[in-house]
């Protein structure tokens, strides 16, 4: 009877978490890179056998789709959804909510295995926290996350020897499908190899052929599509020591910005000499980095303070994770050999998940973003959960305070992001109406162009504006160009700027929901939650400036 009740309790709790996560996303506007995925989906519907041969104007000029960074399996999911339900944002988000449901289930199963006592708390803290909840857009990150979690559940959770072959086969399939979602999922392949080696399951080595054949099939499809292999022509990343050290610093800042759950451990750390010294060392490192590298003219003081706080917190979380896993492995080593006993394998793989996933982002990803970290946040929470489990002296008050702060920050950032995304959906028809009035006054039927990026591209095109191409667009006298402030403006050719005269403006003011800002145009480019490319950028900050400002220009060449 108790088992029956526990089963239904689990189902209800997980469904509530899913409902809350979906509620924040189901009516969200097309946002950030969503537009690119949807345009690629439209091209798939028009030409399903040559999906990457089409053109995509993503950074001010039309380029072939095959020059994009990631594979396009996500866009095939959109293409299928659009063919069934049309371009309904609700339908698209509902389909994607199935991936967040899968992420909830597989993380819960992992938490139940590693940290049974706190499985519900950790699951809610992960899904409703500031890394995942605001990241629920129409991009590849959540589908990839769900596949990563399924992969690690297949490897790490206990199973009978009879089922081992099935689990390896499904893990290999999951790895292959994940690669078709994001190339960063190649990281799963060496994890699979290590697991087979550590468990001495050599007879299952054949499963490695599954992701290899999937990638070969994808590459042949590329060649038949446009004559090249996409995997071999992806974007290059700077590998010099300075670039890597900068990305590591930004990785720490980004991790610290979405890891308020560190509060759980602060009281315990303060109560011990070593813990107190660790906190002081993290704060000192942040202060030193600030003194040497983070003095930016005209930066708001709150951003300067938050950067130091985020860096110190990220360093603290990193230190805790490394310390906990090494202590766990040392304790096991004292009882039996570290690399030869199957008991140790799940903890070694858990550590490699965190370490490998982090190194992958720092070395190979061109810029840091919160969505690039969500693949390792589950490993971080599971490792920290091990410490909660084995240290009953961790105060429950601090545990629940950390939980509330994490979920609260997640909801605050998700709400702010929803409002910011909605700016372009609401503003596009308003601006088009303003331009039509200007055209009527001028008694002209001129072309209305738009520049800019991300969600604005989707909605500006939907109301009838034409996208400006810095190489191919020819403006004529009387044409109008609409440009947002937060999005990039330097794509407009200088010879066109000389004849663009501002004739109207629309300012979108901040609201209480957006004082915690996930995007800002300070100091020189849009940055924030989705792009932390320079030390000046922060994943989120506190700001009361206008959310956006659209300027309508008339092209006057006499």
Protein backbone atom coordinates (compact mmCIF):
# COMPACT_ATOMS: atom_id res chain seq x y z
CA UNK A 1 0.00 0.00 0.00
CA UNK A 2 2.82 2.38 0.90
CA UNK A 3 4.55 1.61 -2.41
CA UNK A 4 1.30 2.37 -4.24
CA UNK A 5 0.95 5.73 -2.44
CA UNK A 6 4.60 6.63 -3.08
CA UNK A 7 4.15 5.92 -6.78
CA UNK A 8 1.21 8.28 -7.10
CA UNK A 9 2.92 10.87 -4.91
CA UNK A 10 5.89 10.82 -7.31
CA UNK A 11 3.68 11.13 -10.38
CA UNK A 12 1.78 14.08 -8.89
CA UNK A 13 4.94 15.94 -7.81
CA UNK A 14 6.66 15.47 -11.17
CA UNK A 15 3.52 16.56 -13.03
CA UNK A 16 3.28 19.69 -10.87
CA UNK A 17 6.91 20.56 -11.68
CA UNK A 18 6.16 19.99 -15.37
CA UNK A 19 3.01 22.10 -15.20
CA UNK A 20 4.86 25.02 -13.57
CA UNK A 21 7.73 24.82 -16.08
CA UNK A 22 5.32 24.64 -19.02
CA UNK A 23 3.21 27.52 -17.67
CA UNK A 24 6.22 29.83 -17.90
CA UNK A 25 6.91 28.81 -21.49
CA UNK A 26 3.73 27.86 -23.32
CA UNK A 27 2.79 31.43 -24.33
CA UNK A 28 6.35 32.73 -24.66
CA UNK A 29 7.14 34.66 -27.82
CA UNK A 30 9.60 33.42 -30.44
CA UNK A 31 12.90 34.44 -28.89
CA UNK A 32 16.65 34.65 -29.56
CA UNK A 33 17.75 31.78 -31.89
CA UNK A 34 14.19 30.39 -32.12
CA UNK A 35 13.78 32.37 -35.34
CA UNK A 36 16.67 30.59 -37.07
CA UNK A 37 15.33 27.15 -36.11
CA UNK A 38 11.87 28.07 -37.39
CA UNK A 39 13.14 29.53 -40.67
CA UNK A 40 15.18 26.38 -41.23
CA UNK A 41 12.00 24.38 -40.51
CA UNK A 42 10.19 26.37 -43.19
CA UNK A 43 12.98 25.56 -45.62
CA UNK A 44 12.69 21.86 -44.68
CA UNK A 45 8.98 21.93 -45.50
CA UNK A 46 9.74 23.56 -48.85
CA UNK A 47 12.69 21.30 -49.68
CA UNK A 48 12.96 18.36 -47.23
CA UNK A 49 15.80 16.59 -49.07
CA UNK A 50 17.97 19.70 -49.31
CA UNK A 51 17.37 21.39 -45.94
CA UNK A 52 20.79 23.01 -45.62
CA UNK A 53 21.02 24.38 -49.14
CA UNK A 54 18.56 27.17 -48.41
CA UNK A 55 19.52 30.69 -47.37
CA UNK A 56 19.30 32.25 -43.91
CA UNK A 57 19.84 35.94 -43.13
CA UNK A 58 21.01 35.66 -39.55
CA UNK A 59 23.69 38.30 -39.11
CA UNK A 60 22.83 40.98 -41.61
CA UNK A 61 23.38 39.03 -44.79
CA UNK A 62 21.91 35.92 -46.39
CA UNK A 63 24.15 32.86 -46.12
CA UNK A 64 23.59 29.15 -46.80
CA UNK A 65 22.04 27.28 -43.89
CA UNK A 66 24.94 24.83 -43.86
CA UNK A 67 27.11 27.62 -42.44
CA UNK A 68 25.16 27.47 -39.17
CA UNK A 69 26.90 25.84 -36.21
CA UNK A 70 24.61 22.99 -35.16
CA UNK A 71 22.84 20.12 -36.97
CA UNK A 72 19.18 20.62 -37.74
CA UNK A 73 17.30 17.70 -36.18
CA UNK A 74 15.47 20.20 -33.95
CA UNK A 75 14.17 22.02 -37.01
CA UNK A 76 12.80 18.73 -38.40
CA UNK A 77 10.72 18.46 -35.21
CA UNK A 78 9.44 22.00 -35.85
CA UNK A 79 8.74 21.20 -39.48
CA UNK A 80 6.58 18.23 -38.45
CA UNK A 81 4.77 20.38 -35.86
CA UNK A 82 4.15 23.22 -38.32
CA UNK A 83 2.84 20.79 -40.96
CA UNK A 84 0.28 19.51 -38.43
CA UNK A 85 -0.66 22.64 -36.47
CA UNK A 86 0.65 25.59 -38.47
CA UNK A 87 2.97 28.21 -36.97
CA UNK A 88 1.22 28.14 -33.62
CA UNK A 89 3.56 29.23 -30.83
CA UNK A 90 1.49 27.31 -28.30
CA UNK A 91 1.67 24.11 -30.35
CA UNK A 92 5.43 24.47 -30.80
CA UNK A 93 5.98 25.05 -27.08
CA UNK A 94 3.69 22.17 -26.17
CA UNK A 95 5.72 19.79 -28.32
CA UNK A 96 8.88 21.04 -26.66
CA UNK A 97 7.30 20.62 -23.24
CA UNK A 98 7.57 16.88 -23.84
CA UNK A 99 11.35 17.27 -23.75
CA UNK A 100 11.21 19.13 -20.44
CA UNK A 101 8.96 16.33 -19.13
CA UNK A 102 11.58 13.78 -20.19
CA UNK A 103 14.27 15.88 -18.47
CA UNK A 104 12.20 15.92 -15.27
CA UNK A 105 11.68 12.16 -15.28
CA UNK A 106 15.27 11.19 -16.03
CA UNK A 107 16.78 13.66 -13.58
CA UNK A 108 14.38 12.42 -10.91
CA UNK A 109 15.47 8.82 -11.55
CA UNK A 110 19.13 9.85 -11.29
CA UNK A 111 18.45 11.79 -8.08
CA UNK A 112 16.55 8.82 -6.66
CA UNK A 113 19.59 6.62 -7.29
CA UNK A 114 22.24 8.99 -5.90
CA UNK A 115 20.36 11.13 -3.36
CA UNK A 116 17.08 9.36 -2.60
CA UNK A 117 16.19 11.47 0.44
CA UNK A 118 16.24 14.74 -1.52
CA UNK A 119 15.12 13.55 -4.96
CA UNK A 120 12.02 15.76 -5.13
CA UNK A 121 13.79 18.83 -3.83
CA UNK A 122 16.73 18.44 -6.25
CA UNK A 123 14.41 17.81 -9.21
CA UNK A 124 12.37 20.95 -8.52
CA UNK A 125 15.53 22.97 -7.86
CA UNK A 126 17.01 21.87 -11.18
CA UNK A 127 13.98 22.32 -13.45
CA UNK A 128 12.57 25.46 -11.81
CA UNK A 129 15.95 27.04 -11.12
CA UNK A 130 17.62 29.88 -13.05
CA UNK A 131 19.52 27.64 -15.47
CA UNK A 132 16.64 25.61 -16.98
CA UNK A 133 13.36 27.47 -16.43
CA UNK A 134 14.28 30.61 -18.48
CA UNK A 135 16.07 28.45 -21.10
CA UNK A 136 12.84 26.86 -22.34
CA UNK A 137 12.84 28.39 -25.79
CA UNK A 138 12.47 26.82 -29.22
CA UNK A 139 16.14 25.93 -29.46
CA UNK A 140 18.13 22.71 -29.24
CA UNK A 141 19.28 23.04 -25.62
CA UNK A 142 16.33 21.42 -23.83
CA UNK A 143 16.02 18.49 -26.29
CA UNK A 144 19.78 17.89 -25.94
CA UNK A 145 19.48 18.10 -22.15
CA UNK A 146 16.72 15.48 -22.06
CA UNK A 147 18.82 13.11 -24.17
CA UNK A 148 21.90 13.67 -21.99
CA UNK A 149 19.88 12.83 -18.88
CA UNK A 150 18.43 9.71 -20.53
CA UNK A 151 21.95 8.66 -21.55
CA UNK A 152 23.37 9.00 -18.04
CA UNK A 153 20.35 7.27 -16.50
CA UNK A 154 20.95 4.31 -18.81
CA UNK A 155 24.59 4.12 -17.74
CA UNK A 156 24.46 4.99 -14.06
CA UNK A 157 21.33 3.53 -12.56
CA UNK A 158 21.47 -0.09 -11.39
CA UNK A 159 20.36 -2.82 -13.71
CA UNK A 160 20.60 -6.60 -13.94
CA UNK A 161 23.32 -8.12 -16.10
CA UNK A 162 20.56 -9.44 -18.33
CA UNK A 163 19.51 -5.88 -19.20
CA UNK A 164 23.05 -4.52 -19.57
CA UNK A 165 23.20 -5.10 -23.35
CA UNK A 166 19.85 -3.35 -23.86
CA UNK A 167 20.99 -0.40 -21.79
CA UNK A 168 24.22 -0.02 -23.74
CA UNK A 169 22.35 -0.23 -27.05
CA UNK A 170 19.83 2.41 -25.96
CA UNK A 171 22.62 4.59 -24.54
CA UNK A 172 24.45 4.38 -27.88
CA UNK A 173 21.26 5.28 -29.77
CA UNK A 174 20.63 8.18 -27.39
CA UNK A 175 24.19 9.40 -27.94
CA UNK A 176 23.73 9.26 -31.72
CA UNK A 177 20.41 11.13 -31.65
CA UNK A 178 21.85 13.72 -29.25
CA UNK A 179 24.67 14.41 -31.72
CA UNK A 180 22.04 15.17 -34.38
CA UNK A 181 20.61 17.76 -31.96
CA UNK A 182 23.91 19.37 -30.88
CA UNK A 183 27.47 18.49 -31.83
CA UNK A 184 28.57 19.05 -28.23
CA UNK A 185 26.88 15.69 -27.56
CA UNK A 186 29.95 14.00 -29.05
CA UNK A 187 31.15 14.28 -25.46
CA UNK A 188 28.86 11.35 -24.60
CA UNK A 189 30.79 8.95 -26.82
CA UNK A 190 34.01 8.86 -24.73
CA UNK A 191 31.84 8.58 -21.61
CA UNK A 192 30.27 5.44 -23.09
CA UNK A 193 33.73 4.05 -23.89
CA UNK A 194 35.01 4.76 -20.37
CA UNK A 195 31.98 3.06 -18.82
CA UNK A 196 32.54 -0.09 -20.91
CA UNK A 197 36.25 -0.12 -20.00
CA UNK A 198 35.73 0.42 -16.27
CA UNK A 199 33.08 -2.27 -16.07
CA UNK A 200 35.17 -4.59 -18.28
CA UNK A 201 32.17 -5.23 -20.54
CA UNK A 202 34.24 -5.74 -23.68
CA UNK A 203 31.58 -7.85 -25.36
CA UNK A 204 29.41 -4.73 -25.61
CA UNK A 205 32.02 -2.66 -27.42
CA UNK A 206 30.03 -3.20 -30.64
CA UNK A 207 27.48 -0.58 -29.48
CA UNK A 208 30.01 2.16 -30.34
CA UNK A 209 29.23 1.50 -33.97
CA UNK A 210 25.69 2.83 -33.48
CA UNK A 211 26.52 6.55 -32.98
CA UNK A 212 29.34 6.22 -35.55
CA UNK A 213 26.90 4.97 -38.20
CA UNK A 214 24.39 7.68 -37.27
CA UNK A 215 27.05 10.36 -37.80
CA UNK A 216 28.18 8.73 -41.07
CA UNK A 217 24.56 8.68 -42.26
CA UNK A 218 24.16 12.36 -41.35
CA UNK A 219 27.40 13.21 -43.19
CA UNK A 220 26.29 11.33 -46.34
CA UNK A 221 22.99 13.23 -46.19
CA UNK A 222 24.97 16.50 -46.00
CA UNK A 223 27.05 15.54 -49.02
CA UNK A 224 24.00 14.68 -51.08
CA UNK A 225 22.39 17.93 -49.95
CA UNK A 226 25.13 20.47 -50.69
CA UNK A 227 28.33 18.59 -51.51
CA UNK A 228 30.12 18.96 -48.16
CA UNK A 229 30.12 17.43 -44.68
CA UNK A 230 28.65 19.83 -42.12
CA UNK A 231 30.55 18.40 -39.17
CA UNK A 232 33.88 19.23 -40.84
CA UNK A 233 32.96 22.81 -41.65
CA UNK A 234 31.54 24.04 -38.33
CA UNK A 235 32.60 27.29 -36.74
CA UNK A 236 36.16 27.48 -35.42
CA UNK A 237 36.88 28.47 -31.84
CA UNK A 238 39.96 30.32 -30.59
CA UNK A 239 42.28 27.90 -28.79
CA UNK A 240 44.97 30.26 -27.54
CA UNK A 241 45.65 30.32 -23.82
CA UNK A 242 44.24 33.83 -23.33
CA UNK A 243 40.95 32.96 -25.04
CA UNK A 244 40.55 29.78 -22.99
CA UNK A 245 41.39 31.54 -19.71
CA UNK A 246 38.87 34.27 -20.56
CA UNK A 247 36.17 31.71 -21.28
CA UNK A 248 36.99 29.94 -18.00
CA UNK A 249 36.52 33.21 -16.12
CA UNK A 250 33.22 33.85 -17.90
CA UNK A 251 32.19 30.24 -17.22
CA UNK A 252 32.69 30.85 -13.49
CA UNK A 253 30.69 34.10 -13.64
CA UNK A 254 27.87 32.37 -15.53
CA UNK A 255 27.83 29.36 -13.21
CA UNK A 256 27.78 31.62 -10.15
CA UNK A 257 24.87 33.62 -11.58
CA UNK A 258 22.64 30.53 -11.82
CA UNK A 259 23.80 28.66 -8.70
CA UNK A 260 22.08 30.31 -5.72
CA UNK A 261 21.78 26.79 -4.28
CA UNK A 262 25.30 27.33 -2.86
CA UNK A 263 23.48 29.04 0.00
CA UNK A 264 22.69 25.54 1.31
CA UNK A 265 26.34 25.03 2.24
CA UNK A 266 27.26 28.51 3.53
CA UNK A 267 26.31 27.98 7.22
CA UNK A 268 28.20 24.66 7.37
CA UNK A 269 31.26 26.22 5.69
CA UNK A 270 31.26 29.22 8.00
CA UNK A 271 31.10 26.94 11.04
CA UNK A 272 34.42 25.28 10.16
CA UNK A 273 37.88 26.79 9.81
CA UNK A 274 38.55 25.19 6.41
CA UNK A 275 35.14 26.21 5.11
CA UNK A 276 35.59 29.78 6.28
CA UNK A 277 38.99 29.95 4.57
CA UNK A 278 37.45 28.61 1.36
CA UNK A 279 34.82 31.35 1.32
CA UNK A 280 37.45 34.01 2.03
CA UNK A 281 39.67 32.62 -0.75
CA UNK A 282 36.80 32.76 -3.27
CA UNK A 283 35.93 36.34 -2.30
CA UNK A 284 39.61 37.34 -2.46
CA UNK A 285 39.97 35.78 -5.92
CA UNK A 286 36.93 37.73 -7.12
CA UNK A 287 38.31 40.95 -5.66
CA UNK A 288 41.69 40.38 -7.26
CA UNK A 289 40.15 39.63 -10.66
CA UNK A 290 37.99 42.73 -10.29
CA UNK A 291 40.98 44.89 -9.51
CA UNK A 292 42.98 43.62 -12.48
CA UNK A 293 40.38 43.03 -15.19
CA UNK A 294 36.93 44.40 -14.38
CA UNK A 295 37.21 48.17 -14.25
CA UNK A 296 34.79 49.39 -16.93
CA UNK A 297 33.98 53.05 -17.46
CA UNK A 298 30.37 54.06 -16.82
CA UNK A 299 29.37 50.58 -15.68
CA UNK A 300 26.46 50.58 -13.21
CA UNK A 301 27.74 49.89 -9.71
CA UNK A 302 25.27 47.06 -9.22
CA UNK A 303 26.71 45.20 -12.23
CA UNK A 304 30.24 45.63 -10.88
CA UNK A 305 29.15 44.16 -7.55
CA UNK A 306 27.18 41.30 -9.14
CA UNK A 307 30.13 40.27 -11.32
CA UNK A 308 32.31 39.82 -8.24
CA UNK A 309 29.54 37.95 -6.44
CA UNK A 310 28.91 35.65 -9.41
CA UNK A 311 32.63 34.90 -9.85
CA UNK A 312 33.11 34.12 -6.16
CA UNK A 313 29.99 31.94 -6.11
CA UNK A 314 31.03 30.07 -9.27
CA UNK A 315 34.46 29.42 -7.77
CA UNK A 316 32.85 28.23 -4.55
CA UNK A 317 30.54 25.80 -6.37
CA UNK A 318 33.46 24.48 -8.44
CA UNK A 319 35.52 23.95 -5.29
CA UNK A 320 32.67 22.18 -3.52
CA UNK A 321 32.00 19.85 -6.45
CA UNK A 322 35.65 18.87 -6.85
CA UNK A 323 36.09 18.46 -3.09
CA UNK A 324 32.98 16.29 -2.66
CA UNK A 325 33.64 13.93 -5.54
CA UNK A 326 37.30 13.43 -4.59
CA UNK A 327 36.34 12.73 -1.01
CA UNK A 328 33.74 10.24 -2.20
CA UNK A 329 36.23 8.49 -4.46
CA UNK A 330 38.89 8.50 -1.72
CA UNK A 331 36.47 6.87 0.71
CA UNK A 332 35.74 4.14 -1.83
CA UNK A 333 39.43 3.68 -2.61
CA UNK A 334 40.14 3.00 1.05
CA UNK A 335 37.82 -0.04 0.84
CA UNK A 336 38.55 -1.37 -2.66
CA UNK A 337 40.54 -0.42 -5.79
CA UNK A 338 39.37 2.83 -7.36
CA UNK A 339 39.28 1.92 -11.06
CA UNK A 340 38.62 -1.80 -10.92
CA UNK A 341 35.58 -2.12 -8.68
CA UNK A 342 32.15 -1.67 -10.33
CA UNK A 343 30.86 0.10 -7.20
CA UNK A 344 33.01 3.12 -8.05
CA UNK A 345 31.95 3.42 -11.69
CA UNK A 346 28.80 5.56 -11.24
CA UNK A 347 30.75 8.13 -9.19
CA UNK A 348 33.62 8.22 -11.66
CA UNK A 349 31.18 8.70 -14.55
CA UNK A 350 29.34 11.39 -12.57
CA UNK A 351 32.60 13.25 -12.09
CA UNK A 352 33.54 12.85 -15.77
CA UNK A 353 30.09 14.17 -16.72
CA UNK A 354 30.79 17.35 -14.79
CA UNK A 355 34.46 17.66 -15.75
CA UNK A 356 34.14 16.72 -19.41
CA UNK A 357 30.99 18.75 -20.00
CA UNK A 358 32.61 21.82 -18.43
CA UNK A 359 35.90 21.51 -20.31
CA UNK A 360 33.98 21.01 -23.56
CA UNK A 361 32.23 24.37 -23.16
CA UNK A 362 35.31 26.26 -22.00
CA UNK A 363 37.58 25.00 -24.79
CA UNK A 364 35.33 24.40 -27.79
CA UNK A 365 32.31 26.72 -27.53
CA UNK A 366 32.92 30.22 -29.02
CA UNK A 367 31.17 32.06 -26.17
CA UNK A 368 29.67 31.23 -22.80
CA UNK A 369 25.92 31.26 -22.17
CA UNK A 370 23.65 29.84 -19.51
CA UNK A 371 22.18 27.40 -22.02
CA UNK A 372 25.69 26.01 -22.59
CA UNK A 373 25.93 25.14 -18.89
CA UNK A 374 22.63 23.34 -18.40
CA UNK A 375 24.16 20.04 -19.52
CA UNK A 376 26.44 19.94 -16.45
CA UNK A 377 24.13 21.55 -13.87
CA UNK A 378 22.45 18.15 -13.23
CA UNK A 379 25.84 16.62 -12.44
CA UNK A 380 26.64 19.54 -10.12
CA UNK A 381 23.37 19.14 -8.22
CA UNK A 382 23.78 15.37 -7.92
CA UNK A 383 27.34 15.75 -6.60
CA UNK A 384 26.30 18.45 -4.13
CA UNK A 385 23.38 16.22 -3.19
CA UNK A 386 25.86 13.51 -2.18
CA UNK A 387 27.25 15.97 0.36
CA UNK A 388 23.78 16.77 1.69
CA UNK A 389 23.13 13.05 2.10
CA UNK A 390 26.32 12.24 4.00
CA UNK A 391 26.30 15.38 6.18
CA UNK A 392 23.17 15.38 8.32
CA UNK A 393 24.58 18.41 10.15
CA UNK A 394 23.66 20.55 7.13
CA UNK A 395 20.95 22.75 8.55
CA UNK A 396 17.52 22.05 7.06
CA UNK A 397 16.75 25.73 7.36
CA UNK A 398 19.64 26.57 5.02
CA UNK A 399 18.61 23.69 2.74
CA UNK A 400 15.11 25.04 2.29
CA UNK A 401 16.39 28.62 2.09
CA UNK A 402 18.70 27.58 -0.75
CA UNK A 403 15.82 25.77 -2.42
CA UNK A 404 13.51 28.80 -2.17
CA UNK A 405 16.21 31.18 -3.41
CA UNK A 406 17.01 28.93 -6.38
CA UNK A 407 13.39 28.42 -7.44
CA UNK A 408 12.57 32.06 -6.73
CA UNK A 409 15.45 33.27 -8.91
CA UNK A 410 14.45 30.83 -11.62
CA UNK A 411 10.90 32.15 -11.72
CA UNK A 412 12.05 35.78 -11.58
CA UNK A 413 14.44 35.33 -14.51
CA UNK A 414 11.89 33.29 -16.47
CA UNK A 415 9.25 36.00 -15.99
CA UNK A 416 11.70 38.74 -17.00
CA UNK A 417 12.70 36.78 -20.10
CA UNK A 418 9.04 36.17 -21.03
CA UNK A 419 8.31 39.90 -20.85
CA UNK A 420 11.43 40.80 -22.83
CA UNK A 421 10.63 38.26 -25.55
CA UNK A 422 7.09 39.62 -25.77
CA UNK A 423 8.38 43.12 -26.59
CA UNK A 424 8.99 42.18 -30.24
CA UNK A 425 5.71 40.30 -30.63
CA UNK A 426 3.73 43.27 -29.35
CA UNK A 427 5.81 46.05 -30.92
CA UNK A 428 6.05 44.78 -34.51
CA UNK A 429 2.38 45.45 -35.48
CA UNK A 430 2.39 48.78 -33.59
CA UNK A 431 5.46 49.95 -35.50
CA UNK A 432 4.05 48.78 -38.81
CA UNK A 433 0.92 50.84 -38.13
CA UNK A 434 3.10 53.90 -37.42
CA UNK A 435 5.01 53.38 -40.68
CA UNK A 436 1.77 53.01 -42.66
CA UNK A 437 0.66 56.39 -41.29
CA UNK A 438 3.94 57.94 -42.41
CA UNK A 439 3.52 56.40 -45.85
CA UNK A 440 -0.02 57.73 -46.06
CA UNK A 441 1.13 61.23 -45.15
CA UNK A 442 3.87 61.02 -47.79
CA UNK A 443 1.40 59.49 -50.28
CA UNK A 444 3.96 56.82 -51.10
CA UNK A 445 3.86 53.05 -51.35
CA UNK A 446 7.48 52.55 -50.35
CA UNK A 447 9.25 49.47 -48.97
CA UNK A 448 9.48 48.97 -45.20
CA UNK A 449 12.77 47.32 -44.23
CA UNK A 450 13.90 46.03 -40.88
CA UNK A 451 17.30 45.38 -39.39
CA UNK A 452 18.12 43.59 -36.17
CA UNK A 453 18.22 40.09 -34.89
CA UNK A 454 16.58 37.21 -33.01
CA UNK A 455 12.86 37.26 -32.15
CA UNK A 456 12.48 40.69 -33.74
CA UNK A 457 13.29 39.13 -37.11
CA UNK A 458 10.40 36.69 -36.82
CA UNK A 459 7.74 39.23 -35.88
CA UNK A 460 8.93 42.04 -38.16
CA UNK A 461 8.70 39.73 -41.14
CA UNK A 462 5.27 38.47 -40.05
CA UNK A 463 3.80 41.99 -40.24
CA UNK A 464 5.13 42.56 -43.75
CA UNK A 465 8.53 44.20 -43.30
CA UNK A 466 11.39 43.09 -45.55
CA UNK A 467 14.66 42.01 -43.99
CA UNK A 468 17.63 44.21 -44.76
CA UNK A 469 20.63 42.43 -46.31
CA UNK A 470 23.87 44.40 -46.04
CA UNK A 471 25.10 42.99 -49.35
CA UNK A 472 22.01 42.73 -51.52
CA UNK A 473 19.35 45.19 -50.29
CA UNK A 474 18.95 48.37 -52.34
CA UNK A 475 17.19 51.20 -50.53
CA UNK A 476 15.36 53.81 -52.55
CA UNK A 477 14.31 57.30 -51.60
CA UNK A 478 11.15 57.16 -49.48
CA UNK A 479 11.84 53.69 -48.08
CA UNK A 480 11.68 53.13 -44.32
CA UNK A 481 14.01 51.15 -42.10
CA UNK A 482 13.08 50.03 -38.57
CA UNK A 483 15.93 49.30 -36.15
CA UNK A 484 15.77 48.16 -32.51
CA UNK A 485 18.34 49.48 -30.05
CA UNK A 486 19.24 46.32 -28.14
CA UNK A 487 19.95 44.39 -31.30
CA UNK A 488 22.93 44.91 -33.62
CA UNK A 489 22.92 48.01 -35.83
CA UNK A 490 26.33 47.85 -37.51
CA UNK A 491 25.07 45.57 -40.28
CA UNK A 492 23.71 48.59 -42.16
CA UNK A 493 26.08 49.73 -44.90
CA UNK A 494 27.75 53.10 -44.08
CA UNK A 495 26.67 54.54 -47.43
CA UNK A 496 23.05 53.81 -46.45
CA UNK A 497 23.40 55.27 -42.95
CA UNK A 498 24.38 58.60 -44.52
CA UNK A 499 20.88 58.99 -45.96
CA UNK A 500 18.81 57.49 -43.13
CA UNK A 501 16.89 60.18 -41.24
CA UNK A 502 15.05 59.29 -37.99
CA UNK A 503 11.37 60.19 -38.32
CA UNK A 504 9.70 58.35 -35.44
CA UNK A 505 10.50 56.28 -32.36
CA UNK A 506 8.88 53.76 -30.03
CA UNK A 507 10.32 53.29 -26.53
CA UNK A 508 9.37 50.26 -24.45
CA UNK A 509 9.82 51.07 -20.77
CA UNK A 510 10.91 48.63 -18.11
CA UNK A 511 8.41 47.10 -15.69
CA UNK A 512 8.83 45.71 -12.17
CA UNK A 513 9.02 42.25 -13.77
CA UNK A 514 12.11 43.25 -15.74
CA UNK A 515 14.19 45.06 -13.11
CA UNK A 516 16.13 41.81 -13.00
CA UNK A 517 17.30 42.07 -16.60
CA UNK A 518 18.49 39.13 -18.67
CA UNK A 519 19.50 41.25 -21.70
CA UNK A 520 21.12 44.67 -21.96
CA UNK A 521 22.87 46.68 -24.66
CA UNK A 522 25.56 47.94 -22.23
CA UNK A 523 28.37 48.51 -23.02
CA UNK A 524 28.28 48.03 -26.79
CA UNK A 525 26.29 44.97 -27.82
CA UNK A 526 23.34 42.89 -26.68
CA UNK A 527 24.50 40.51 -24.00
CA UNK A 528 23.22 38.63 -21.03
CA UNK A 529 21.65 35.29 -20.33
CA UNK A 530 22.15 34.11 -23.92
CA UNK A 531 25.62 35.49 -24.62
CA UNK A 532 28.39 36.13 -22.12
CA UNK A 533 31.17 36.75 -24.61
CA UNK A 534 33.16 39.47 -22.89
CA UNK A 535 34.08 40.33 -19.27
CA UNK A 536 31.68 43.29 -19.45
CA UNK A 537 28.73 40.95 -19.95
CA UNK A 538 26.65 39.41 -17.18
CA UNK A 539 24.06 36.60 -17.36
CA UNK A 540 21.66 38.90 -15.55
CA UNK A 541 21.77 42.23 -13.77
CA UNK A 542 19.48 44.76 -12.10
CA UNK A 543 18.44 47.57 -14.41
CA UNK A 544 15.61 50.05 -14.85
CA UNK A 545 16.46 51.47 -18.28
CA UNK A 546 14.04 50.99 -21.21
CA UNK A 547 13.69 47.44 -22.43
CA UNK A 548 13.92 48.44 -26.06
CA UNK A 549 13.82 51.46 -28.35
CA UNK A 550 12.77 51.20 -31.98
CA UNK A 551 13.76 53.94 -34.40
CA UNK A 552 12.01 54.43 -37.73
CA UNK A 553 14.29 55.88 -40.38
CA UNK A 554 13.34 57.29 -43.75
CA UNK A 555 15.80 56.87 -46.59
CA UNK A 556 16.19 60.30 -48.16
CA UNK A 557 18.59 60.41 -51.07
CA UNK A 558 18.17 63.55 -53.13
